[in-house]
């Protein structure tokens, strides 16, 4: 099983924009994004701090509807 890389909120937003998500709202330190197929997610931006692993896993599984391995491969190919 591949290991989940450390990702900051800024890096995740940048990656999500590369795979087709668009920013629809920014409220304080949170960015709301929507994909063309209707998936939504909210990403906290707290400087360059890494996202907690549990939050990142929830975003990947529930919001992006991807498996961890699938996300890691996609993230590494879009870096």
Protein backbone atom coordinates (compact mmCIF):
# COMPACT_ATOMS: atom_id res chain seq x y z
CA UNK A 1 0.00 0.00 0.00
CA UNK A 2 1.35 3.40 -0.96
CA UNK A 3 1.85 6.07 1.66
CA UNK A 4 -0.24 9.25 1.60
CA UNK A 5 2.07 12.23 0.91
CA UNK A 6 2.07 15.28 3.20
CA UNK A 7 -0.04 17.92 1.44
CA UNK A 8 -0.82 21.49 2.46
CA UNK A 9 -4.19 23.07 1.77
CA UNK A 10 -2.67 25.29 -0.94
CA UNK A 11 -1.13 22.27 -2.69
CA UNK A 12 -4.43 20.39 -2.57
CA UNK A 13 -6.37 23.33 -4.04
CA UNK A 14 -3.79 23.66 -6.84
CA UNK A 15 -4.01 19.93 -7.56
CA UNK A 16 -7.81 19.96 -7.56
CA UNK A 17 -7.84 22.84 -10.05
CA UNK A 18 -5.56 20.80 -12.34
CA UNK A 19 -8.04 17.91 -12.35
CA UNK A 20 -11.07 20.05 -13.15
CA UNK A 21 -12.35 21.58 -9.92
CA UNK A 22 -13.20 25.29 -9.87
CA UNK A 23 -13.18 27.61 -6.87
CA UNK A 24 -16.72 28.75 -6.21
CA UNK A 25 -16.30 30.51 -2.86
CA UNK A 26 -13.67 31.61 -0.39
CA UNK A 27 -14.69 32.28 3.19
CA UNK A 28 -11.94 33.24 5.61
CA UNK A 29 -9.44 30.37 5.54
CA UNK A 30 -11.61 27.84 3.64
CA UNK A 31 -11.97 27.38 -0.10
CA UNK A 32 -15.04 25.66 -1.58
CA UNK A 33 -14.49 23.87 -4.90
CA UNK A 34 -16.86 22.17 -7.34
CA UNK A 35 -16.12 19.79 -10.20
CA UNK A 36 -17.94 19.70 -13.52
CA UNK A 37 -19.61 16.42 -12.54
CA UNK A 38 -21.13 17.92 -9.36
CA UNK A 39 -18.68 16.86 -6.64
CA UNK A 40 -17.98 19.47 -3.93
CA UNK A 41 -15.24 19.81 -1.35
CA UNK A 42 -14.02 22.37 1.15
CA UNK A 43 -10.30 22.74 1.82
CA UNK A 44 -8.88 24.66 4.80
CA UNK A 45 -5.91 26.91 4.06
CA UNK A 46 -3.80 27.58 7.14
CA UNK A 47 -0.53 28.96 5.79
CA UNK A 48 1.72 26.16 4.59
CA UNK A 49 0.61 23.74 7.29
CA UNK A 50 0.00 20.17 6.20
CA UNK A 51 -3.57 18.92 6.24
CA UNK A 52 -4.22 16.36 8.98
CA UNK A 53 -4.11 12.83 7.51
CA UNK A 54 -7.66 12.04 8.67
CA UNK A 55 -9.10 15.13 6.99
CA UNK A 56 -7.16 14.43 3.79
CA UNK A 57 -8.44 10.83 3.72
CA UNK A 58 -12.04 12.04 4.22
CA UNK A 59 -11.71 14.56 1.40
CA UNK A 60 -10.29 11.88 -0.91
CA UNK A 61 -12.81 9.15 -0.10
CA UNK A 62 -16.03 11.08 0.52
CA UNK A 63 -15.71 14.32 -1.45
CA UNK A 64 -13.51 13.27 -4.39
CA UNK A 65 -14.92 9.72 -4.43
CA UNK A 66 -11.48 8.23 -5.13
CA UNK A 67 -9.57 5.34 -3.61
CA UNK A 68 -6.34 6.30 -1.82
CA UNK A 69 -4.11 4.46 -4.33
CA UNK A 70 -5.93 6.13 -7.22
CA UNK A 71 -5.49 9.58 -5.63
CA UNK A 72 -1.78 9.04 -4.93
CA UNK A 73 -1.10 7.95 -8.52
CA UNK A 74 -3.06 10.91 -9.90
CA UNK A 75 -1.38 13.36 -7.50
CA UNK A 76 2.11 12.11 -8.41
CA UNK A 77 1.38 12.34 -12.15
CA UNK A 78 0.06 15.94 -11.90
CA UNK A 79 2.87 17.34 -9.71
